[in-house]
Amino acid sequence: MAAVLPPEKRSANAVLLDRAGICVSALCLVQCLLLPIIVAGAPVLALPFFDSEIFHLLLLGLILPIGSIAFYLGYRVHASRATVLLGAVGIGIVFVTAVFGHDHLSAMASALWTSLGGFFLITAHVMNLRNRRACLRPQP
């Protein structure tokens, strides 16, 4: 850099980089300080509807048909039992948690089980897409 830019340009670039570094560092600091406050305040700020049983049942009403159809159609192409099994386990966990979680689990346990089911579903959908793409790719 020293051989390419004259000294006045190097100085201006260094100042610009320092200012940018200060701004980025300040942004990082503010984020680090505010994140615990935001996380602690999230339940208070959340709308009660998102924690209600009806909301979870509505989501289940979307997850169940979409997942079932997607995994069925994917299986017809790639025949991967592992993908369908993982998707079924994810749907099962989400189903049981949505239907019985409010009555039999704490809010934390319900959230953890739902998150686990969601993680399984996301993973299975990614596997489904990759397996389908691999099967539909033209062979050389």
N, C-alpha and C. Protein backbone atom coordinates (compact mmCIF):
# COMPACT_ATOMS: atom_id res chain seq x y z
N MET A 1 0.82 -1.18 0.00
CA MET A 1 0.00 0.00 0.00
C MET A 1 0.87 1.25 0.00
N ALA A 2 1.99 1.20 0.68
CA ALA A 2 2.86 2.37 0.79
C ALA A 2 3.46 2.75 -0.55
N ALA A 3 3.75 1.77 -1.38
CA ALA A 3 4.37 2.07 -2.67
C ALA A 3 3.37 2.59 -3.68
N VAL A 4 2.11 2.32 -3.50
CA VAL A 4 1.09 2.68 -4.47
C VAL A 4 0.49 4.05 -4.19
N LEU A 5 0.23 4.36 -2.94
CA LEU A 5 -0.45 5.60 -2.57
C LEU A 5 0.54 6.63 -2.04
N PRO A 6 0.37 7.91 -2.39
CA PRO A 6 1.20 8.96 -1.80
C PRO A 6 0.89 9.10 -0.31
N PRO A 7 1.80 9.70 0.47
CA PRO A 7 1.63 9.78 1.93
C PRO A 7 0.32 10.41 2.37
N GLU A 8 -0.14 11.46 1.71
CA GLU A 8 -1.39 12.09 2.14
C GLU A 8 -2.59 11.18 1.95
N LYS A 9 -2.57 10.36 0.90
CA LYS A 9 -3.66 9.41 0.67
C LYS A 9 -3.62 8.29 1.70
N ARG A 10 -2.40 7.83 2.04
CA ARG A 10 -2.25 6.78 3.05
C ARG A 10 -2.81 7.26 4.38
N SER A 11 -2.54 8.49 4.73
CA SER A 11 -3.02 9.05 5.99
C SER A 11 -4.55 9.15 5.98
N ALA A 12 -5.11 9.61 4.89
CA ALA A 12 -6.56 9.73 4.79
C ALA A 12 -7.22 8.35 4.87
N ASN A 13 -6.60 7.36 4.22
CA ASN A 13 -7.15 6.00 4.28
C ASN A 13 -7.05 5.43 5.69
N ALA A 14 -5.95 5.71 6.37
CA ALA A 14 -5.77 5.21 7.74
C ALA A 14 -6.81 5.83 8.66
N VAL A 15 -7.07 7.12 8.50
CA VAL A 15 -8.08 7.80 9.31
C VAL A 15 -9.46 7.20 9.03
N LEU A 16 -9.74 6.99 7.77
CA LEU A 16 -11.03 6.40 7.39
C LEU A 16 -11.19 5.00 7.99
N LEU A 17 -10.11 4.23 7.93
CA LEU A 17 -10.17 2.89 8.51
C LEU A 17 -10.34 2.94 10.02
N ASP A 18 -9.65 3.86 10.67
CA ASP A 18 -9.80 4.00 12.12
C ASP A 18 -11.22 4.39 12.48
N ARG A 19 -11.79 5.33 11.76
CA ARG A 19 -13.17 5.75 12.03
C ARG A 19 -14.15 4.61 11.80
N ALA A 20 -13.93 3.90 10.73
CA ALA A 20 -14.80 2.76 10.46
C ALA A 20 -14.65 1.71 11.56
N GLY A 21 -13.42 1.49 12.01
CA GLY A 21 -13.19 0.54 13.10
C GLY A 21 -13.87 0.97 14.39
N ILE A 22 -13.82 2.25 14.68
CA ILE A 22 -14.49 2.77 15.88
C ILE A 22 -16.00 2.55 15.78
N CYS A 23 -16.56 2.87 14.62
CA CYS A 23 -18.01 2.70 14.43
C CYS A 23 -18.43 1.24 14.57
N VAL A 24 -17.67 0.36 13.95
CA VAL A 24 -18.01 -1.06 14.02
C VAL A 24 -17.84 -1.57 15.45
N SER A 25 -16.78 -1.17 16.12
CA SER A 25 -16.56 -1.59 17.50
C SER A 25 -17.65 -1.06 18.42
N ALA A 26 -18.06 0.18 18.21
CA ALA A 26 -19.13 0.76 19.02
C ALA A 26 -20.45 0.02 18.78
N LEU A 27 -20.71 -0.30 17.54
CA LEU A 27 -21.92 -1.05 17.21
C LEU A 27 -21.90 -2.41 17.89
N CYS A 28 -20.75 -3.05 17.88
CA CYS A 28 -20.60 -4.35 18.54
C CYS A 28 -20.84 -4.21 20.05
N LEU A 29 -20.26 -3.19 20.63
CA LEU A 29 -20.42 -2.97 22.07
C LEU A 29 -21.87 -2.72 22.44
N VAL A 30 -22.55 -1.88 21.68
CA VAL A 30 -23.96 -1.59 21.95
C VAL A 30 -24.79 -2.86 21.82
N GLN A 31 -24.52 -3.64 20.79
CA GLN A 31 -25.25 -4.88 20.60
C GLN A 31 -25.01 -5.83 21.78
N CYS A 32 -23.76 -5.96 22.20
CA CYS A 32 -23.43 -6.85 23.32
C CYS A 32 -24.10 -6.40 24.62
N LEU A 33 -24.19 -5.11 24.83
CA LEU A 33 -24.81 -4.60 26.05
C LEU A 33 -26.33 -4.68 26.01
N LEU A 34 -26.91 -4.49 24.83
CA LEU A 34 -28.37 -4.49 24.73
C LEU A 34 -28.98 -5.87 24.58
N LEU A 35 -28.22 -6.83 24.08
CA LEU A 35 -28.78 -8.15 23.82
C LEU A 35 -29.38 -8.79 25.07
N PRO A 36 -28.69 -8.80 26.22
CA PRO A 36 -29.34 -9.39 27.41
C PRO A 36 -30.63 -8.68 27.81
N ILE A 37 -30.68 -7.38 27.64
CA ILE A 37 -31.89 -6.63 27.97
C ILE A 37 -33.03 -7.00 27.02
N ILE A 38 -32.71 -7.14 25.74
CA ILE A 38 -33.72 -7.51 24.75
C ILE A 38 -34.23 -8.92 25.02
N VAL A 39 -33.31 -9.85 25.32
CA VAL A 39 -33.72 -11.22 25.59
C VAL A 39 -34.57 -11.29 26.86
N ALA A 40 -34.17 -10.57 27.88
CA ALA A 40 -34.94 -10.57 29.13
C ALA A 40 -36.31 -9.94 28.95
N GLY A 41 -36.40 -8.94 28.09
CA GLY A 41 -37.67 -8.25 27.89
C GLY A 41 -38.56 -8.88 26.84
N ALA A 42 -38.05 -9.85 26.10
CA ALA A 42 -38.82 -10.43 25.00
C ALA A 42 -40.16 -11.02 25.44
N PRO A 43 -40.23 -11.77 26.54
CA PRO A 43 -41.55 -12.30 26.93
C PRO A 43 -42.56 -11.22 27.26
N VAL A 44 -42.09 -10.13 27.81
CA VAL A 44 -43.00 -9.03 28.15
C VAL A 44 -43.48 -8.34 26.88
N LEU A 45 -42.59 -8.25 25.89
CA LEU A 45 -42.93 -7.55 24.66
C LEU A 45 -43.74 -8.40 23.69
N ALA A 46 -43.66 -9.74 23.83
CA ALA A 46 -44.35 -10.63 22.90
C ALA A 46 -45.86 -10.54 23.09
N LEU A 47 -46.56 -10.71 22.01
CA LEU A 47 -48.01 -10.73 22.08
C LEU A 47 -48.47 -12.07 22.65
N PRO A 48 -49.47 -12.08 23.51
CA PRO A 48 -49.93 -13.33 24.12
C PRO A 48 -50.39 -14.36 23.08
N PHE A 49 -50.83 -13.90 21.92
CA PHE A 49 -51.32 -14.81 20.88
C PHE A 49 -50.26 -15.82 20.48
N PHE A 50 -48.98 -15.38 20.42
CA PHE A 50 -47.92 -16.27 19.95
C PHE A 50 -47.59 -17.36 20.96
N ASP A 51 -48.07 -17.25 22.17
CA ASP A 51 -47.87 -18.30 23.17
C ASP A 51 -49.14 -19.10 23.42
N SER A 52 -50.16 -18.79 22.69
CA SER A 52 -51.44 -19.46 22.93
C SER A 52 -51.50 -20.81 22.22
N GLU A 53 -52.39 -21.65 22.72
CA GLU A 53 -52.56 -22.98 22.14
C GLU A 53 -53.09 -22.88 20.71
N ILE A 54 -53.96 -21.93 20.45
CA ILE A 54 -54.54 -21.80 19.11
C ILE A 54 -53.48 -21.45 18.07
N PHE A 55 -52.51 -20.62 18.46
CA PHE A 55 -51.43 -20.27 17.53
C PHE A 55 -50.63 -21.51 17.15
N HIS A 56 -50.31 -22.34 18.13
CA HIS A 56 -49.55 -23.56 17.85
C HIS A 56 -50.34 -24.53 17.00
N LEU A 57 -51.63 -24.60 17.22
CA LEU A 57 -52.47 -25.48 16.41
C LEU A 57 -52.59 -24.96 14.97
N LEU A 58 -52.64 -23.65 14.82
CA LEU A 58 -52.66 -23.08 13.46
C LEU A 58 -51.36 -23.39 12.72
N LEU A 59 -50.23 -23.24 13.41
CA LEU A 59 -48.95 -23.59 12.79
C LEU A 59 -48.90 -25.07 12.44
N LEU A 60 -49.40 -25.90 13.34
CA LEU A 60 -49.44 -27.34 13.08
C LEU A 60 -50.29 -27.62 11.84
N GLY A 61 -51.37 -26.85 11.68
CA GLY A 61 -52.23 -27.00 10.50
C GLY A 61 -51.51 -26.67 9.21
N LEU A 62 -50.45 -25.91 9.28
CA LEU A 62 -49.61 -25.64 8.09
C LEU A 62 -48.48 -26.66 7.97
N ILE A 63 -47.85 -26.95 9.09
CA ILE A 63 -46.68 -27.84 9.09
C ILE A 63 -47.04 -29.25 8.65
N LEU A 64 -48.14 -29.76 9.17
CA LEU A 64 -48.52 -31.15 8.90
C LEU A 64 -48.75 -31.42 7.41
N PRO A 65 -49.60 -30.69 6.73
CA PRO A 65 -49.79 -31.00 5.30
C PRO A 65 -48.58 -30.64 4.44
N ILE A 66 -47.95 -29.52 4.72
CA ILE A 66 -46.80 -29.12 3.90
C ILE A 66 -45.67 -30.14 4.04
N GLY A 67 -45.35 -30.50 5.28
CA GLY A 67 -44.28 -31.47 5.50
C GLY A 67 -44.62 -32.84 4.93
N SER A 68 -45.83 -33.29 5.20
CA SER A 68 -46.22 -34.62 4.72
C SER A 68 -46.16 -34.71 3.20
N ILE A 69 -46.69 -33.72 2.53
CA ILE A 69 -46.69 -33.74 1.06
C ILE A 69 -45.27 -33.60 0.52
N ALA A 70 -44.48 -32.71 1.11
CA ALA A 70 -43.11 -32.51 0.63
C ALA A 70 -42.28 -33.79 0.80
N PHE A 71 -42.40 -34.44 1.95
CA PHE A 71 -41.62 -35.66 2.17
C PHE A 71 -42.10 -36.81 1.30
N TYR A 72 -43.41 -36.89 1.08
CA TYR A 72 -43.95 -37.92 0.21
C TYR A 72 -43.45 -37.74 -1.23
N LEU A 73 -43.56 -36.51 -1.74
CA LEU A 73 -43.10 -36.25 -3.11
C LEU A 73 -41.59 -36.45 -3.25
N GLY A 74 -40.84 -36.04 -2.23
CA GLY A 74 -39.40 -36.25 -2.26
C GLY A 74 -39.05 -37.72 -2.24
N TYR A 75 -39.73 -38.49 -1.41
CA TYR A 75 -39.46 -39.92 -1.31
C TYR A 75 -39.71 -40.62 -2.64
N ARG A 76 -40.72 -40.18 -3.35
CA ARG A 76 -41.00 -40.77 -4.67
C ARG A 76 -39.85 -40.58 -5.63
N VAL A 77 -39.07 -39.52 -5.44
CA VAL A 77 -37.93 -39.26 -6.33
C VAL A 77 -36.66 -39.93 -5.81
N HIS A 78 -36.35 -39.74 -4.52
CA HIS A 78 -35.04 -40.18 -4.01
C HIS A 78 -35.10 -41.45 -3.16
N ALA A 79 -36.25 -41.86 -2.67
CA ALA A 79 -36.43 -43.07 -1.87
C ALA A 79 -35.53 -43.12 -0.63
N SER A 80 -35.23 -41.96 -0.06
CA SER A 80 -34.40 -41.92 1.15
C SER A 80 -35.28 -42.07 2.38
N ARG A 81 -35.19 -43.23 3.02
CA ARG A 81 -35.98 -43.47 4.22
C ARG A 81 -35.51 -42.61 5.38
N ALA A 82 -34.22 -42.34 5.44
CA ALA A 82 -33.67 -41.52 6.54
C ALA A 82 -34.28 -40.12 6.52
N THR A 83 -34.44 -39.56 5.33
CA THR A 83 -35.02 -38.23 5.20
C THR A 83 -36.46 -38.22 5.68
N VAL A 84 -37.22 -39.19 5.22
CA VAL A 84 -38.63 -39.27 5.60
C VAL A 84 -38.78 -39.57 7.09
N LEU A 85 -37.92 -40.43 7.62
CA LEU A 85 -37.97 -40.75 9.04
C LEU A 85 -37.68 -39.52 9.90
N LEU A 86 -36.64 -38.78 9.53
CA LEU A 86 -36.31 -37.56 10.28
C LEU A 86 -37.45 -36.55 10.19
N GLY A 87 -38.04 -36.40 9.01
CA GLY A 87 -39.19 -35.51 8.85
C GLY A 87 -40.38 -35.96 9.68
N ALA A 88 -40.62 -37.26 9.71
CA ALA A 88 -41.74 -37.80 10.50
C ALA A 88 -41.51 -37.59 11.99
N VAL A 89 -40.27 -37.77 12.44
CA VAL A 89 -39.96 -37.54 13.85
C VAL A 89 -40.19 -36.06 14.18
N GLY A 90 -39.74 -35.17 13.30
CA GLY A 90 -39.94 -33.73 13.51
C GLY A 90 -41.42 -33.38 13.57
N ILE A 91 -42.19 -33.89 12.62
CA ILE A 91 -43.63 -33.64 12.62
C ILE A 91 -44.27 -34.21 13.88
N GLY A 92 -43.84 -35.41 14.27
CA GLY A 92 -44.39 -36.03 15.47
C GLY A 92 -44.13 -35.22 16.73
N ILE A 93 -42.90 -34.73 16.86
CA ILE A 93 -42.56 -33.92 18.04
C ILE A 93 -43.38 -32.63 18.06
N VAL A 94 -43.46 -31.97 16.92
CA VAL A 94 -44.23 -30.73 16.84
C VAL A 94 -45.71 -31.01 17.12
N PHE A 95 -46.23 -32.11 16.58
CA PHE A 95 -47.64 -32.46 16.78
C PHE A 95 -47.93 -32.71 18.26
N VAL A 96 -47.14 -33.57 18.89
CA VAL A 96 -47.38 -33.90 20.30
C VAL A 96 -47.24 -32.65 21.18
N THR A 97 -46.24 -31.85 20.90
CA THR A 97 -46.03 -30.64 21.70
C THR A 97 -47.17 -29.64 21.50
N ALA A 98 -47.63 -29.47 20.26
CA ALA A 98 -48.71 -28.51 20.00
C ALA A 98 -50.02 -28.97 20.60
N VAL A 99 -50.29 -30.25 20.55
CA VAL A 99 -51.57 -30.76 21.03
C VAL A 99 -51.59 -30.95 22.55
N PHE A 100 -50.49 -31.48 23.11
CA PHE A 100 -50.48 -31.82 24.53
C PHE A 100 -49.56 -30.94 25.38
N GLY A 101 -48.71 -30.15 24.74
CA GLY A 101 -47.70 -29.39 25.46
C GLY A 101 -48.23 -28.38 26.44
N HIS A 102 -49.30 -27.69 26.08
CA HIS A 102 -49.85 -26.66 26.97
C HIS A 102 -50.38 -27.24 28.27
N ASP A 103 -50.87 -28.47 28.23
CA ASP A 103 -51.46 -29.08 29.42
C ASP A 103 -50.46 -29.90 30.24
N HIS A 104 -49.42 -30.41 29.60
CA HIS A 104 -48.54 -31.36 30.28
C HIS A 104 -47.09 -30.92 30.39
N LEU A 105 -46.71 -29.83 29.77
CA LEU A 105 -45.32 -29.38 29.81
C LEU A 105 -45.24 -27.94 30.30
N SER A 106 -44.13 -27.59 30.88
CA SER A 106 -43.91 -26.18 31.23
C SER A 106 -43.68 -25.40 29.95
N ALA A 107 -43.74 -24.11 30.04
CA ALA A 107 -43.52 -23.26 28.86
C ALA A 107 -42.12 -23.48 28.30
N MET A 108 -41.13 -23.63 29.18
CA MET A 108 -39.76 -23.85 28.73
C MET A 108 -39.62 -25.21 28.04
N ALA A 109 -40.18 -26.25 28.63
CA ALA A 109 -40.10 -27.58 28.03
C ALA A 109 -40.82 -27.61 26.69
N SER A 110 -41.97 -26.96 26.63
CA SER A 110 -42.71 -26.89 25.37
C SER A 110 -41.90 -26.19 24.29
N ALA A 111 -41.26 -25.09 24.66
CA ALA A 111 -40.42 -24.35 23.70
C ALA A 111 -39.23 -25.19 23.24
N LEU A 112 -38.61 -25.91 24.17
CA LEU A 112 -37.46 -26.74 23.81
C LEU A 112 -37.86 -27.90 22.89
N TRP A 113 -38.96 -28.57 23.21
CA TRP A 113 -39.42 -29.68 22.37
C TRP A 113 -39.84 -29.18 20.99
N THR A 114 -40.54 -28.06 20.95
CA THR A 114 -40.95 -27.50 19.66
C THR A 114 -39.73 -27.10 18.84
N SER A 115 -38.73 -26.53 19.49
CA SER A 115 -37.50 -26.16 18.79
C SER A 115 -36.78 -27.39 18.25
N LEU A 116 -36.74 -28.46 19.03
CA LEU A 116 -36.11 -29.70 18.56
C LEU A 116 -36.86 -30.26 17.36
N GLY A 117 -38.18 -30.28 17.44
CA GLY A 117 -38.97 -30.74 16.30
C GLY A 117 -38.75 -29.88 15.07
N GLY A 118 -38.70 -28.57 15.28
CA GLY A 118 -38.44 -27.66 14.17
C GLY A 118 -37.07 -27.87 13.56
N PHE A 119 -36.06 -28.12 14.41
CA PHE A 119 -34.71 -28.40 13.91
C PHE A 119 -34.71 -29.67 13.06
N PHE A 120 -35.39 -30.71 13.54
CA PHE A 120 -35.48 -31.95 12.75
C PHE A 120 -36.19 -31.70 11.42
N LEU A 121 -37.24 -30.91 11.45
CA LEU A 121 -37.97 -30.62 10.21
C LEU A 121 -37.13 -29.84 9.22
N ILE A 122 -36.45 -28.83 9.70
CA ILE A 122 -35.59 -28.04 8.80
C ILE A 122 -34.51 -28.92 8.20
N THR A 123 -33.87 -29.73 9.03
CA THR A 123 -32.83 -30.63 8.55
C THR A 123 -33.39 -31.61 7.52
N ALA A 124 -34.55 -32.17 7.80
CA ALA A 124 -35.16 -33.12 6.87
C ALA A 124 -35.54 -32.44 5.55
N HIS A 125 -36.04 -31.23 5.61
CA HIS A 125 -36.37 -30.51 4.37
C HIS A 125 -35.12 -30.21 3.55
N VAL A 126 -34.03 -29.85 4.21
CA VAL A 126 -32.77 -29.62 3.48
C VAL A 126 -32.29 -30.92 2.85
N MET A 127 -32.34 -32.01 3.60
CA MET A 127 -31.97 -33.31 3.05
C MET A 127 -32.86 -33.68 1.87
N ASN A 128 -34.15 -33.41 2.01
CA ASN A 128 -35.11 -33.70 0.95
C ASN A 128 -34.75 -32.95 -0.33
N LEU A 129 -34.46 -31.67 -0.18
CA LEU A 129 -34.08 -30.87 -1.35
C LEU A 129 -32.80 -31.38 -1.99
N ARG A 130 -31.79 -31.65 -1.16
CA ARG A 130 -30.51 -32.13 -1.70
C ARG A 130 -30.64 -33.49 -2.37
N ASN A 131 -31.37 -34.39 -1.72
CA ASN A 131 -31.55 -35.72 -2.31
C ASN A 131 -32.31 -35.64 -3.63
N ARG A 132 -33.34 -34.82 -3.66
CA ARG A 132 -34.12 -34.68 -4.89
C ARG A 132 -33.27 -34.07 -6.00
N ARG A 133 -32.50 -33.04 -5.64
CA ARG A 133 -31.62 -32.39 -6.63
C ARG A 133 -30.60 -33.38 -7.16
N ALA A 134 -30.03 -34.21 -6.28
CA ALA A 134 -29.04 -35.19 -6.71
C ALA A 134 -29.64 -36.22 -7.66
N CYS A 135 -30.88 -36.61 -7.42
CA CYS A 135 -31.53 -37.59 -8.29
C CYS A 135 -31.95 -37.00 -9.62
N LEU A 136 -32.27 -35.73 -9.63
CA LEU A 136 -32.74 -35.10 -10.86
C LEU A 136 -31.61 -34.51 -11.69
N ARG A 137 -30.40 -34.49 -11.14
CA ARG A 137 -29.24 -33.96 -11.86
C ARG A 137 -28.93 -34.89 -13.04
N PRO A 138 -28.69 -34.30 -14.21
CA PRO A 138 -28.37 -35.16 -15.37
C PRO A 138 -27.07 -35.92 -15.12
N GLN A 139 -27.09 -37.22 -15.43
CA GLN A 139 -25.92 -38.06 -15.27
C GLN A 139 -25.02 -37.93 -16.49
N PRO A 140 -23.70 -37.86 -16.27
CA PRO A 140 -22.77 -37.73 -17.42
C PRO A 140 -22.64 -39.00 -18.21
